């Protein structure tokens, strides 16, 4: 008799996959990225968590997260609306200096990124 134990996915992995969904968009690709990042994610946690959680996500799990985000309108069908949502979320985290929304034939989309490293380099130079 065989027993299969299915471990829950670590919350950090889910959060990382949600970020990848905004960047990549395809559930299959995000699952592949998750598998590649599994060892790195596992190394970041305590030894106890390493045996209690799983550090990769299956394509179906990523697809389920994407579906929930679509239902909540966090990721929307319109590409520009999705990009703007992500831009405003990053702006609230202090990673974006300026966002100019896109208005067809009137205004170009402008996004100025600045992470901590870029800020330090600007101050140094």
PDB file of N, CA and C in Angstrom:
ATOM      1  N   UNK A   1       0.840  -1.180   0.000  1.00  0.00           N
ATOM      2  CA  UNK A   1       0.000   0.000   0.000  1.00  0.00           C
ATOM      3  C   UNK A   1       0.887   1.245   0.000  1.00  0.00           C
ATOM      4  N   UNK A   2       0.567   2.202  -0.880  1.00  0.00           N
ATOM      5  CA  UNK A   2       1.331   3.445  -0.962  1.00  0.00           C
ATOM      6  C   UNK A   2       0.500   4.601  -0.442  1.00  0.00           C
ATOM      7  N   UNK A   3       1.180   5.494   0.224  1.00  0.00           N
ATOM      8  CA  UNK A   3       0.544   6.720   0.682  1.00  0.00           C
ATOM      9  C   UNK A   3       1.191   7.894  -0.033  1.00  0.00           C
ATOM     10  N   UNK A   4       0.387   8.773  -0.512  1.00  0.00           N
ATOM     11  CA  UNK A   4       0.901   9.984  -1.142  1.00  0.00           C
ATOM     12  C   UNK A   4       0.538  11.153  -0.248  1.00  0.00           C
ATOM     13  N   UNK A   5       1.559  11.878   0.164  1.00  0.00           N
ATOM     14  CA  UNK A   5       1.344  13.045   1.001  1.00  0.00           C
ATOM     15  C   UNK A   5       1.494  14.277   0.117  1.00  0.00           C
ATOM     16  N   UNK A   6       0.458  15.078   0.067  1.00  0.00           N
ATOM     17  CA  UNK A   6       0.504  16.303  -0.721  1.00  0.00           C
ATOM     18  C   UNK A   6       0.715  17.457   0.239  1.00  0.00           C
ATOM     19  N   UNK A   7       1.870  18.089   0.101  1.00  0.00           N
ATOM     20  CA  UNK A   7       2.206  19.208   0.969  1.00  0.00           C
ATOM     21  C   UNK A   7       1.585  20.497   0.432  1.00  0.00           C
ATOM     22  N   UNK A   8       1.271  21.393   1.356  1.00  0.00           N
ATOM     23  CA  UNK A   8       0.768  22.703   0.954  1.00  0.00           C
ATOM     24  C   UNK A   8       1.922  23.513   0.380  1.00  0.00           C
ATOM     25  N   UNK A   9       1.600  24.420  -0.521  1.00  0.00           N
ATOM     26  CA  UNK A   9       2.600  25.302  -1.110  1.00  0.00           C
ATOM     27  C   UNK A   9       2.940  26.405  -0.110  1.00  0.00           C
ATOM     28  N   UNK A  10       4.220  26.711   0.015  1.00  0.00           N
ATOM     29  CA  UNK A  10       4.659  27.761   0.942  1.00  0.00           C
ATOM     30  C   UNK A  10       4.086  29.112   0.485  1.00  0.00           C
ATOM     31  N   UNK A  11       3.627  29.943   1.425  1.00  0.00           N
ATOM     32  CA  UNK A  11       3.033  31.244   1.059  1.00  0.00           C
ATOM     33  C   UNK A  11       3.970  32.136   0.231  1.00  0.00           C
ATOM     34  N   UNK A  12       5.284  32.074   0.494  1.00  0.00           N
ATOM     35  CA  UNK A  12       6.231  32.879  -0.292  1.00  0.00           C
ATOM     36  C   UNK A  12       6.211  32.475  -1.759  1.00  0.00           C
ATOM     37  N   UNK A  13       6.029  31.185  -2.013  1.00  0.00           N
ATOM     38  CA  UNK A  13       5.992  30.680  -3.383  1.00  0.00           C
ATOM     39  C   UNK A  13       4.746  31.197  -4.095  1.00  0.00           C
ATOM     40  N   UNK A  14       3.637  31.198  -3.390  1.00  0.00           N
ATOM     41  CA  UNK A  14       2.386  31.707  -3.968  1.00  0.00           C
ATOM     42  C   UNK A  14       2.535  33.182  -4.301  1.00  0.00           C
ATOM     43  N   UNK A  15       3.105  33.949  -3.384  1.00  0.00           N
ATOM     44  CA  UNK A  15       3.314  35.374  -3.614  1.00  0.00           C
ATOM     45  C   UNK A  15       4.233  35.608  -4.817  1.00  0.00           C
ATOM     46  N   UNK A  16       5.303  34.825  -4.907  1.00  0.00           N
ATOM     47  CA  UNK A  16       6.244  34.933  -6.020  1.00  0.00           C
ATOM     48  C   UNK A  16       5.553  34.596  -7.342  1.00  0.00           C
ATOM     49  N   UNK A  17       4.714  33.576  -7.333  1.00  0.00           N
ATOM     50  CA  UNK A  17       3.986  33.185  -8.543  1.00  0.00           C
ATOM     51  C   UNK A  17       3.001  34.268  -8.970  1.00  0.00           C
ATOM     52  N   UNK A  18       2.384  34.937  -8.004  1.00  0.00           N
ATOM     53  CA  UNK A  18       1.460  36.018  -8.346  1.00  0.00           C
ATOM     54  C   UNK A  18       2.208  37.158  -9.031  1.00  0.00           C
ATOM     55  N   UNK A  19       3.425  37.466  -8.558  1.00  0.00           N
ATOM     56  CA  UNK A  19       4.241  38.495  -9.210  1.00  0.00           C
ATOM     57  C   UNK A  19       4.601  38.055 -10.625  1.00  0.00           C
ATOM     58  N   UNK A  20       4.968  36.772 -10.775  1.00  0.00           N
ATOM     59  CA  UNK A  20       5.324  36.250 -12.098  1.00  0.00           C
ATOM     60  C   UNK A  20       4.125  36.267 -13.044  1.00  0.00           C
ATOM     61  N   UNK A  21       2.928  36.078 -12.503  1.00  0.00           N
ATOM     62  CA  UNK A  21       1.727  36.125 -13.344  1.00  0.00           C
ATOM     63  C   UNK A  21       1.573  37.488 -13.994  1.00  0.00           C
ATOM     64  N   UNK A  22       1.898  38.554 -13.255  1.00  0.00           N
ATOM     65  CA  UNK A  22       1.818  39.896 -13.827  1.00  0.00           C
ATOM     66  C   UNK A  22       2.870  40.071 -14.916  1.00  0.00           C
ATOM     67  N   UNK A  23       4.061  39.497 -14.699  1.00  0.00           N
ATOM     68  CA  UNK A  23       5.161  39.664 -15.656  1.00  0.00           C
ATOM     69  C   UNK A  23       5.015  38.754 -16.872  1.00  0.00           C
ATOM     70  N   UNK A  24       4.710  37.480 -16.629  1.00  0.00           N
ATOM     71  CA  UNK A  24       4.707  36.473 -17.693  1.00  0.00           C
ATOM     72  C   UNK A  24       3.306  36.247 -18.242  1.00  0.00           C
ATOM     73  N   UNK A  25       2.358  36.050 -17.353  1.00  0.00           N
ATOM     74  CA  UNK A  25       0.974  35.909 -17.769  1.00  0.00           C
ATOM     75  C   UNK A  25       0.491  34.500 -18.051  1.00  0.00           C
ATOM     76  N   UNK A  26       1.344  33.605 -18.518  1.00  0.00           N
ATOM     77  CA  UNK A  26       0.936  32.248 -18.887  1.00  0.00           C
ATOM     78  C   UNK A  26       1.143  31.297 -17.704  1.00  0.00           C
ATOM     79  N   UNK A  27       0.092  30.591 -17.308  1.00  0.00           N
ATOM     80  CA  UNK A  27       0.154  29.702 -16.143  1.00  0.00           C
ATOM     81  C   UNK A  27       1.231  28.633 -16.304  1.00  0.00           C
ATOM     82  N   UNK A  28       1.359  28.065 -17.497  1.00  0.00           N
ATOM     83  CA  UNK A  28       2.353  27.010 -17.733  1.00  0.00           C
ATOM     84  C   UNK A  28       3.774  27.551 -17.536  1.00  0.00           C
ATOM     85  N   UNK A  29       4.037  28.747 -18.067  1.00  0.00           N
ATOM     86  CA  UNK A  29       5.363  29.348 -17.928  1.00  0.00           C
ATOM     87  C   UNK A  29       5.659  29.719 -16.475  1.00  0.00           C
ATOM     88  N   UNK A  30       4.655  30.227 -15.776  1.00  0.00           N
ATOM     89  CA  UNK A  30       4.834  30.583 -14.365  1.00  0.00           C
ATOM     90  C   UNK A  30       5.123  29.330 -13.544  1.00  0.00           C
ATOM     91  N   UNK A  31       4.465  28.223 -13.844  1.00  0.00           N
ATOM     92  CA  UNK A  31       4.728  26.955 -13.140  1.00  0.00           C
ATOM     93  C   UNK A  31       6.162  26.492 -13.397  1.00  0.00           C
ATOM     94  N   UNK A  32       6.626  26.617 -14.628  1.00  0.00           N
ATOM     95  CA  UNK A  32       8.013  26.243 -14.943  1.00  0.00           C
ATOM     96  C   UNK A  32       9.003  27.117 -14.181  1.00  0.00           C
ATOM     97  N   UNK A  33       8.725  28.415 -14.135  1.00  0.00           N
ATOM     98  CA  UNK A  33       9.577  29.333 -13.378  1.00  0.00           C
ATOM     99  C   UNK A  33       9.586  28.936 -11.907  1.00  0.00           C
ATOM    100  N   UNK A  34       8.423  28.574 -11.389  1.00  0.00           N
ATOM    101  CA  UNK A  34       8.296  28.159  -9.990  1.00  0.00           C
ATOM    102  C   UNK A  34       9.162  26.935  -9.686  1.00  0.00           C
ATOM    103  N   UNK A  35       9.166  25.975 -10.600  1.00  0.00           N
ATOM    104  CA  UNK A  35       9.985  24.771 -10.405  1.00  0.00           C
ATOM    105  C   UNK A  35      11.464  25.134 -10.403  1.00  0.00           C
ATOM    106  N   UNK A  36      11.865  26.052 -11.307  1.00  0.00           N
ATOM    107  CA  UNK A  36      13.273  26.472 -11.348  1.00  0.00           C
ATOM    108  C   UNK A  36      13.685  27.211 -10.090  1.00  0.00           C
ATOM    109  N   UNK A  37      12.748  27.957  -9.481  1.00  0.00           N
ATOM    110  CA  UNK A  37      13.046  28.733  -8.278  1.00  0.00           C
ATOM    111  C   UNK A  37      12.892  27.929  -6.988  1.00  0.00           C
ATOM    112  N   UNK A  38      12.456  26.683  -7.083  1.00  0.00           N
ATOM    113  CA  UNK A  38      12.112  25.890  -5.896  1.00  0.00           C
ATOM    114  C   UNK A  38      13.260  25.778  -4.900  1.00  0.00           C
ATOM    115  N   UNK A  39      14.457  25.472  -5.373  1.00  0.00           N
ATOM    116  CA  UNK A  39      15.600  25.313  -4.459  1.00  0.00           C
ATOM    117  C   UNK A  39      15.952  26.632  -3.772  1.00  0.00           C
ATOM    118  N   UNK A  40      15.864  27.727  -4.501  1.00  0.00           N
ATOM    119  CA  UNK A  40      16.147  29.045  -3.920  1.00  0.00           C
ATOM    120  C   UNK A  40      15.108  29.379  -2.860  1.00  0.00           C
ATOM    121  N   UNK A  41      13.837  29.115  -3.171  1.00  0.00           N
ATOM    122  CA  UNK A  41      12.765  29.375  -2.207  1.00  0.00           C
ATOM    123  C   UNK A  41      12.939  28.511  -0.959  1.00  0.00           C
ATOM    124  N   UNK A  42      13.317  27.271  -1.158  1.00  0.00           N
ATOM    125  CA  UNK A  42      13.500  26.335  -0.044  1.00  0.00           C
ATOM    126  C   UNK A  42      14.646  26.775   0.862  1.00  0.00           C
ATOM    127  N   UNK A  43      15.697  27.318   0.260  1.00  0.00           N
ATOM    128  CA  UNK A  43      16.869  27.746   1.033  1.00  0.00           C
ATOM    129  C   UNK A  43      16.572  28.947   1.927  1.00  0.00           C
ATOM    130  N   UNK A  44      15.523  29.695   1.625  1.00  0.00           N
ATOM    131  CA  UNK A  44      15.199  30.918   2.371  1.00  0.00           C
ATOM    132  C   UNK A  44      14.452  30.667   3.681  1.00  0.00           C
ATOM    133  N   UNK A  45      13.993  29.436   3.903  1.00  0.00           N
ATOM    134  CA  UNK A  45      13.134  29.179   5.065  1.00  0.00           C
ATOM    135  C   UNK A  45      13.818  28.268   6.085  1.00  0.00           C
ATOM    136  N   UNK A  46      13.165  28.097   7.218  1.00  0.00           N
ATOM    137  CA  UNK A  46      13.716  27.280   8.295  1.00  0.00           C
ATOM    138  C   UNK A  46      13.665  25.791   7.935  1.00  0.00           C
ATOM    139  N   UNK A  47      14.507  24.979   8.596  1.00  0.00           N
ATOM    140  CA  UNK A  47      14.504  23.531   8.325  1.00  0.00           C
ATOM    141  C   UNK A  47      13.134  22.872   8.539  1.00  0.00           C
ATOM    142  N   UNK A  48      12.380  23.357   9.519  1.00  0.00           N
ATOM    143  CA  UNK A  48      11.051  22.796   9.776  1.00  0.00           C
ATOM    144  C   UNK A  48      10.121  23.062   8.596  1.00  0.00           C
ATOM    145  N   UNK A  49      10.153  24.296   8.092  1.00  0.00           N
ATOM    146  CA  UNK A  49       9.287  24.634   6.957  1.00  0.00           C
ATOM    147  C   UNK A  49       9.666  23.847   5.709  1.00  0.00           C
ATOM    148  N   UNK A  50      10.924  23.452   5.587  1.00  0.00           N
ATOM    149  CA  UNK A  50      11.377  22.702   4.409  1.00  0.00           C
ATOM    150  C   UNK A  50      10.695  21.349   4.280  1.00  0.00           C
ATOM    151  N   UNK A  51      10.319  20.765   5.403  1.00  0.00           N
ATOM    152  CA  UNK A  51       9.664  19.455   5.342  1.00  0.00           C
ATOM    153  C   UNK A  51       8.142  19.547   5.437  1.00  0.00           C
ATOM    154  N   UNK A  52       7.639  20.730   5.743  1.00  0.00           N
ATOM    155  CA  UNK A  52       6.199  20.909   5.900  1.00  0.00           C
ATOM    156  C   UNK A  52       5.549  21.460   4.623  1.00  0.00           C
ATOM    157  N   UNK A  53       6.315  22.208   3.851  1.00  0.00           N
ATOM    158  CA  UNK A  53       5.768  22.871   2.665  1.00  0.00           C
ATOM    159  C   UNK A  53       6.400  22.361   1.378  1.00  0.00           C
ATOM    160  N   UNK A  54       5.726  22.647   0.281  1.00  0.00           N
ATOM    161  CA  UNK A  54       6.232  22.386  -1.065  1.00  0.00           C
ATOM    162  C   UNK A  54       6.669  23.730  -1.643  1.00  0.00           C
ATOM    163  N   UNK A  55       7.723  23.733  -2.462  1.00  0.00           N
ATOM    164  CA  UNK A  55       8.303  24.985  -2.926  1.00  0.00           C
ATOM    165  C   UNK A  55       8.210  25.182  -4.434  1.00  0.00           C
ATOM    166  N   UNK A  56       7.235  24.560  -5.039  1.00  0.00           N
ATOM    167  CA  UNK A  56       6.945  24.779  -6.452  1.00  0.00           C
ATOM    168  C   UNK A  56       5.431  24.665  -6.625  1.00  0.00           C
ATOM    169  N   UNK A  57       4.949  25.227  -7.716  1.00  0.00           N
ATOM    170  CA  UNK A  57       3.516  25.155  -7.977  1.00  0.00           C
ATOM    171  C   UNK A  57       3.258  24.413  -9.272  1.00  0.00           C
ATOM    172  N   UNK A  58       2.152  23.698  -9.297  1.00  0.00           N
ATOM    173  CA  UNK A  58       1.726  22.991 -10.495  1.00  0.00           C
ATOM    174  C   UNK A  58       0.974  23.957 -11.405  1.00  0.00           C
ATOM    175  N   UNK A  59       0.947  23.646 -12.683  1.00  0.00           N
ATOM    176  CA  UNK A  59       0.277  24.508 -13.654  1.00  0.00           C
ATOM    177  C   UNK A  59      -1.177  24.766 -13.261  1.00  0.00           C
ATOM    178  N   UNK A  60      -1.865  23.733 -12.807  1.00  0.00           N
ATOM    179  CA  UNK A  60      -3.280  23.876 -12.416  1.00  0.00           C
ATOM    180  C   UNK A  60      -3.423  24.845 -11.243  1.00  0.00           C
ATOM    181  N   UNK A  61      -2.492  24.789 -10.293  1.00  0.00           N
ATOM    182  CA  UNK A  61      -2.550  25.707  -9.145  1.00  0.00           C
ATOM    183  C   UNK A  61      -2.342  27.159  -9.595  1.00  0.00           C
ATOM    184  N   UNK A  62      -1.391  27.371 -10.489  1.00  0.00           N
ATOM    185  CA  UNK A  62      -1.148  28.719 -11.012  1.00  0.00           C
ATOM    186  C   UNK A  62      -2.368  29.195 -11.793  1.00  0.00           C
ATOM    187  N   UNK A  63      -2.952  28.307 -12.589  1.00  0.00           N
ATOM    188  CA  UNK A  63      -4.154  28.653 -13.359  1.00  0.00           C
ATOM    189  C   UNK A  63      -5.298  29.040 -12.425  1.00  0.00           C
ATOM    190  N   UNK A  64      -5.437  28.327 -11.312  1.00  0.00           N
ATOM    191  CA  UNK A  64      -6.496  28.642 -10.343  1.00  0.00           C
ATOM    192  C   UNK A  64      -6.287  30.031  -9.736  1.00  0.00           C
ATOM    193  N   UNK A  65      -5.035  30.359  -9.418  1.00  0.00           N
ATOM    194  CA  UNK A  65      -4.735  31.690  -8.878  1.00  0.00           C
ATOM    195  C   UNK A  65      -5.073  32.752  -9.926  1.00  0.00           C
ATOM    196  N   UNK A  66      -4.659  32.508 -11.178  1.00  0.00           N
ATOM    197  CA  UNK A  66      -4.938  33.459 -12.257  1.00  0.00           C
ATOM    198  C   UNK A  66      -6.447  33.653 -12.424  1.00  0.00           C
ATOM    199  N   UNK A  67      -7.197  32.574 -12.344  1.00  0.00           N
ATOM    200  CA  UNK A  67      -8.660  32.660 -12.478  1.00  0.00           C
ATOM    201  C   UNK A  67      -9.267  33.492 -11.361  1.00  0.00           C
ATOM    202  N   UNK A  68      -8.786  33.273 -10.138  1.00  0.00           N
ATOM    203  CA  UNK A  68      -9.287  34.055  -8.997  1.00  0.00           C
ATOM    204  C   UNK A  68      -8.957  35.532  -9.169  1.00  0.00           C
ATOM    205  N   UNK A  69      -7.757  35.828  -9.681  1.00  0.00           N
ATOM    206  CA  UNK A  69      -7.376  37.214  -9.897  1.00  0.00           C
ATOM    207  C   UNK A  69      -8.218  37.851 -11.002  1.00  0.00           C
ATOM    208  N   UNK A  70      -8.556  37.079 -12.035  1.00  0.00           N
ATOM    209  CA  UNK A  70      -9.428  37.592 -13.094  1.00  0.00           C
ATOM    210  C   UNK A  70     -10.811  37.907 -12.542  1.00  0.00           C
ATOM    211  N   UNK A  71     -11.331  37.017 -11.693  1.00  0.00           N
ATOM    212  CA  UNK A  71     -12.652  37.225 -11.106  1.00  0.00           C
ATOM    213  C   UNK A  71     -12.662  38.476 -10.232  1.00  0.00           C
ATOM    214  N   UNK A  72     -11.568  38.683  -9.477  1.00  0.00           N
ATOM    215  CA  UNK A  72     -11.476  39.857  -8.600  1.00  0.00           C
ATOM    216  C   UNK A  72     -11.093  41.114  -9.369  1.00  0.00           C
ATOM    217  N   UNK A  73     -10.858  40.978 -10.681  1.00  0.00           N
ATOM    218  CA  UNK A  73     -10.461  42.088 -11.550  1.00  0.00           C
ATOM    219  C   UNK A  73      -9.088  42.636 -11.177  1.00  0.00           C
ATOM    220  N   UNK A  74      -8.258  41.812 -10.532  1.00  0.00           N
ATOM    221  CA  UNK A  74      -6.881  42.219 -10.267  1.00  0.00           C
ATOM    222  C   UNK A  74      -6.088  42.130 -11.563  1.00  0.00           C
ATOM    223  N   UNK A  75      -6.307  41.060 -12.312  1.00  0.00           N
ATOM    224  CA  UNK A  75      -5.780  40.959 -13.662  1.00  0.00           C
ATOM    225  C   UNK A  75      -6.998  41.035 -14.571  1.00  0.00           C
ATOM    226  N   UNK A  76      -7.000  42.000 -15.457  1.00  0.00           N
ATOM    227  CA  UNK A  76      -8.144  42.173 -16.337  1.00  0.00           C
ATOM    228  C   UNK A  76      -7.762  41.800 -17.756  1.00  0.00           C
ATOM    229  N   UNK A  77      -8.753  41.663 -18.616  1.00  0.00           N
ATOM    230  CA  UNK A  77      -8.505  41.243 -19.988  1.00  0.00           C
ATOM    231  C   UNK A  77      -7.764  42.310 -20.792  1.00  0.00           C
ATOM    232  N   UNK A  78      -8.020  43.570 -20.502  1.00  0.00           N
ATOM    233  CA  UNK A  78      -7.384  44.655 -21.220  1.00  0.00           C
ATOM    234  C   UNK A  78      -5.931  44.788 -20.764  1.00  0.00           C
ATOM    235  N   UNK A  79      -4.983  44.672 -21.690  1.00  0.00           N
ATOM    236  CA  UNK A  79      -3.561  44.731 -21.351  1.00  0.00           C
ATOM    237  C   UNK A  79      -3.167  46.050 -20.706  1.00  0.00           C
ATOM    238  N   UNK A  80      -3.670  47.166 -21.230  1.00  0.00           N
ATOM    239  CA  UNK A  80      -3.294  48.461 -20.679  1.00  0.00           C
ATOM    240  C   UNK A  80      -3.801  48.628 -19.255  1.00  0.00           C
ATOM    241  N   UNK A  81      -5.009  48.156 -18.998  1.00  0.00           N
ATOM    242  CA  UNK A  81      -5.562  48.254 -17.639  1.00  0.00           C
ATOM    243  C   UNK A  81      -4.725  47.423 -16.671  1.00  0.00           C
ATOM    244  N   UNK A  82      -4.281  46.244 -17.113  1.00  0.00           N
ATOM    245  CA  UNK A  82      -3.440  45.390 -16.273  1.00  0.00           C
ATOM    246  C   UNK A  82      -2.106  46.063 -15.997  1.00  0.00           C
ATOM    247  N   UNK A  83      -1.509  46.642 -17.040  1.00  0.00           N
ATOM    248  CA  UNK A  83      -0.224  47.324 -16.866  1.00  0.00           C
ATOM    249  C   UNK A  83      -0.374  48.499 -15.903  1.00  0.00           C
ATOM    250  N   UNK A  84      -1.447  49.265 -16.041  1.00  0.00           N
ATOM    251  CA  UNK A  84      -1.646  50.402 -15.150  1.00  0.00           C
ATOM    252  C   UNK A  84      -1.873  49.964 -13.713  1.00  0.00           C
ATOM    253  N   UNK A  85      -2.621  48.876 -13.519  1.00  0.00           N
ATOM    254  CA  UNK A  85      -2.829  48.360 -12.167  1.00  0.00           C
ATOM    255  C   UNK A  85      -1.496  47.983 -11.537  1.00  0.00           C
ATOM    256  N   UNK A  86      -0.665  47.291 -12.299  1.00  0.00           N
ATOM    257  CA  UNK A  86       0.644  46.884 -11.797  1.00  0.00           C
ATOM    258  C   UNK A  86       1.505  48.109 -11.526  1.00  0.00           C
ATOM    259  N   UNK A  87       1.458  49.089 -12.404  1.00  0.00           N
ATOM    260  CA  UNK A  87       2.252  50.306 -12.221  1.00  0.00           C
ATOM    261  C   UNK A  87       1.859  51.038 -10.940  1.00  0.00           C
ATOM    262  N   UNK A  88       0.565  51.160 -10.692  1.00  0.00           N
ATOM    263  CA  UNK A  88       0.122  51.850  -9.480  1.00  0.00           C
ATOM    264  C   UNK A  88       0.455  51.045  -8.222  1.00  0.00           C
ATOM    265  N   UNK A  89       0.409  49.717  -8.332  1.00  0.00           N
ATOM    266  CA  UNK A  89       0.804  48.879  -7.184  1.00  0.00           C
ATOM    267  C   UNK A  89       2.284  49.070  -6.876  1.00  0.00           C
ATOM    268  N   UNK A  90       3.126  49.098  -7.916  1.00  0.00           N
ATOM    269  CA  UNK A  90       4.563  49.314  -7.716  1.00  0.00           C
ATOM    270  C   UNK A  90       4.845  50.730  -7.223  1.00  0.00           C
ATOM    271  N   UNK A  91       4.043  51.692  -7.670  1.00  0.00           N
ATOM    272  CA  UNK A  91       4.225  53.069  -7.208  1.00  0.00           C
ATOM    273  C   UNK A  91       3.956  53.170  -5.711  1.00  0.00           C
ATOM    274  N   UNK A  92       2.954  52.448  -5.233  1.00  0.00           N
ATOM    275  CA  UNK A  92       2.652  52.463  -3.794  1.00  0.00           C
ATOM    276  C   UNK A  92       3.769  51.821  -2.976  1.00  0.00           C
ATOM    277  N   UNK A  93       4.575  50.959  -3.623  1.00  0.00           N
ATOM    278  CA  UNK A  93       5.730  50.331  -2.958  1.00  0.00           C
ATOM    279  C   UNK A  93       6.985  51.187  -3.078  1.00  0.00           C
ATOM    280  N   UNK A  94       6.901  52.311  -3.784  1.00  0.00           N
ATOM    281  CA  UNK A  94       8.038  53.203  -3.937  1.00  0.00           C
ATOM    282  C   UNK A  94       9.021  52.787  -5.014  1.00  0.00           C
ATOM    283  N   UNK A  95       8.613  51.893  -5.919  1.00  0.00           N
ATOM    284  CA  UNK A  95       9.515  51.414  -6.970  1.00  0.00           C
ATOM    285  C   UNK A  95       9.353  52.186  -8.273  1.00  0.00           C
ATOM    286  N   UNK A  96       8.314  52.999  -8.355  1.00  0.00           N
ATOM    287  CA  UNK A  96       8.074  53.775  -9.566  1.00  0.00           C
ATOM    288  C   UNK A  96       8.028  55.247  -9.187  1.00  0.00           C
ATOM    289  N   UNK A  97       8.777  56.045  -9.939  1.00  0.00           N
ATOM    290  CA  UNK A  97       8.845  57.472  -9.674  1.00  0.00           C
ATOM    291  C   UNK A  97       7.682  58.208 -10.343  1.00  0.00           C
ATOM    292  N   UNK A  98       7.361  57.801 -11.583  1.00  0.00           N
ATOM    293  CA  UNK A  98       6.348  58.531 -12.344  1.00  0.00           C
ATOM    294  C   UNK A  98       5.611  57.593 -13.293  1.00  0.00           C
ATOM    295  N   UNK A  99       4.301  57.789 -13.399  1.00  0.00           N
ATOM    296  CA  UNK A  99       3.482  57.034 -14.350  1.00  0.00           C
ATOM    297  C   UNK A  99       2.608  58.020 -15.113  1.00  0.00           C
ATOM    298  N   UNK A 100       2.663  57.949 -16.442  1.00  0.00           N
ATOM    299  CA  UNK A 100       1.753  58.730 -17.282  1.00  0.00           C
ATOM    300  C   UNK A 100       0.884  57.746 -18.048  1.00  0.00           C
ATOM    301  N   UNK A 101      -0.416  57.712 -17.775  1.00  0.00           N
ATOM    302  CA  UNK A 101      -1.294  56.743 -18.445  1.00  0.00           C
ATOM    303  C   UNK A 101      -1.338  56.920 -19.951  1.00  0.00           C
ATOM    304  N   UNK A 102      -1.629  55.852 -20.641  1.00  0.00           N
ATOM    305  CA  UNK A 102      -1.717  55.856 -22.099  1.00  0.00           C
ATOM    306  C   UNK A 102      -3.125  56.283 -22.525  1.00  0.00           C
ATOM    307  N   UNK A 103      -3.178  57.269 -23.402  1.00  0.00           N
ATOM    308  CA  UNK A 103      -4.446  57.676 -24.007  1.00  0.00           C
ATOM    309  C   UNK A 103      -4.208  57.633 -25.518  1.00  0.00           C
ATOM    310  N   UNK A 104      -4.892  56.732 -26.212  1.00  0.00           N
ATOM    311  CA  UNK A 104      -4.652  56.577 -27.651  1.00  0.00           C
ATOM    312  C   UNK A 104      -4.729  57.907 -28.414  1.00  0.00           C
ATOM    313  N   UNK A 105      -3.749  58.133 -29.265  1.00  0.00           N
ATOM    314  CA  UNK A 105      -3.596  59.314 -30.137  1.00  0.00           C
ATOM    315  C   UNK A 105      -3.426  60.636 -29.390  1.00  0.00           C
ATOM    316  N   UNK A 106      -3.413  60.605 -28.053  1.00  0.00           N
ATOM    317  CA  UNK A 106      -3.269  61.848 -27.284  1.00  0.00           C
ATOM    318  C   UNK A 106      -2.025  61.856 -26.397  1.00  0.00           C
ATOM    319  N   UNK A 107      -1.762  60.738 -25.741  1.00  0.00           N
ATOM    320  CA  UNK A 107      -0.719  60.726 -24.719  1.00  0.00           C
ATOM    321  C   UNK A 107       0.004  59.398 -24.720  1.00  0.00           C
ATOM    322  N   UNK A 108       1.343  59.437 -24.717  1.00  0.00           N
ATOM    323  CA  UNK A 108       2.149  58.226 -24.657  1.00  0.00           C
ATOM    324  C   UNK A 108       2.154  57.659 -23.246  1.00  0.00           C
ATOM    325  N   UNK A 109       2.362  56.349 -23.157  1.00  0.00           N
ATOM    326  CA  UNK A 109       2.526  55.708 -21.858  1.00  0.00           C
ATOM    327  C   UNK A 109       3.968  55.914 -21.405  1.00  0.00           C
ATOM    328  N   UNK A 110       4.150  56.497 -20.227  1.00  0.00           N
ATOM    329  CA  UNK A 110       5.490  56.735 -19.675  1.00  0.00           C
ATOM    330  C   UNK A 110       5.538  56.121 -18.284  1.00  0.00           C
ATOM    331  N   UNK A 111       6.607  55.369 -18.041  1.00  0.00           N
ATOM    332  CA  UNK A 111       6.797  54.721 -16.741  1.00  0.00           C
ATOM    333  C   UNK A 111       8.257  54.872 -16.361  1.00  0.00           C
ATOM    334  N   UNK A 112       8.520  55.481 -15.219  1.00  0.00           N
ATOM    335  CA  UNK A 112       9.899  55.656 -14.757  1.00  0.00           C
ATOM    336  C   UNK A 112      10.078  54.804 -13.505  1.00  0.00           C
ATOM    337  N   UNK A 113      10.917  53.780 -13.643  1.00  0.00           N
ATOM    338  CA  UNK A 113      11.206  52.861 -12.544  1.00  0.00           C
ATOM    339  C   UNK A 113      12.431  53.329 -11.770  1.00  0.00           C
ATOM    340  N   UNK A 114      12.437  53.081 -10.482  1.00  0.00           N
ATOM    341  CA  UNK A 114      13.627  53.350  -9.687  1.00  0.00           C
ATOM    342  C   UNK A 114      13.566  52.465  -8.450  1.00  0.00           C
ATOM    343  N   UNK A 115      14.403  51.423  -8.434  1.00  0.00           N
ATOM    344  CA  UNK A 115      14.460  50.575  -7.252  1.00  0.00           C
ATOM    345  C   UNK A 115      15.528  51.113  -6.299  1.00  0.00           C
ATOM    346  N   UNK A 116      15.733  50.458  -5.179  1.00  0.00           N
ATOM    347  CA  UNK A 116      16.681  50.929  -4.164  1.00  0.00           C
ATOM    348  C   UNK A 116      18.098  51.047  -4.715  1.00  0.00           C
ATOM    349  N   UNK A 117      18.508  50.057  -5.523  1.00  0.00           N
ATOM    350  CA  UNK A 117      19.856  50.083  -6.086  1.00  0.00           C
ATOM    351  C   UNK A 117      20.041  51.293  -6.999  1.00  0.00           C
ATOM    352  N   UNK A 118      19.056  51.566  -7.836  1.00  0.00           N
ATOM    353  CA  UNK A 118      19.137  52.717  -8.749  1.00  0.00           C
ATOM    354  C   UNK A 118      19.228  54.023  -7.950  1.00  0.00           C
ATOM    355  N   UNK A 119      18.449  54.132  -6.885  1.00  0.00           N
ATOM    356  CA  UNK A 119      18.471  55.324  -6.060  1.00  0.00           C
ATOM    357  C   UNK A 119      19.853  55.518  -5.431  1.00  0.00           C
ATOM    358  N   UNK A 120      20.436  54.450  -4.909  1.00  0.00           N
ATOM    359  CA  UNK A 120      21.781  54.527  -4.322  1.00  0.00           C
ATOM    360  C   UNK A 120      22.807  54.958  -5.353  1.00  0.00           C
ATOM    361  N   UNK A 121      22.695  54.430  -6.574  1.00  0.00           N
ATOM    362  CA  UNK A 121      23.639  54.811  -7.637  1.00  0.00           C
ATOM    363  C   UNK A 121      23.481  56.285  -7.999  1.00  0.00           C
ATOM    364  N   UNK A 122      22.232  56.775  -8.054  1.00  0.00           N
ATOM    365  CA  UNK A 122      21.996  58.193  -8.354  1.00  0.00           C
ATOM    366  C   UNK A 122      22.611  59.085  -7.279  1.00  0.00           C
ATOM    367  N   UNK A 123      22.445  58.703  -6.025  1.00  0.00           N
ATOM    368  CA  UNK A 123      23.004  59.481  -4.920  1.00  0.00           C
ATOM    369  C   UNK A 123      24.532  59.459  -4.970  1.00  0.00           C
ATOM    370  N   UNK A 124      25.117  58.278  -5.245  1.00  0.00           N
ATOM    371  CA  UNK A 124      26.575  58.147  -5.341  1.00  0.00           C
ATOM    372  C   UNK A 124      27.149  58.983  -6.455  1.00  0.00           C
ATOM    373  N   UNK A 125      26.507  58.957  -7.620  1.00  0.00           N
ATOM    374  CA  UNK A 125      27.055  59.651  -8.788  1.00  0.00           C
ATOM    375  C   UNK A 125      26.646  61.105  -8.821  1.00  0.00           C
TER     376      UNK A 125
END
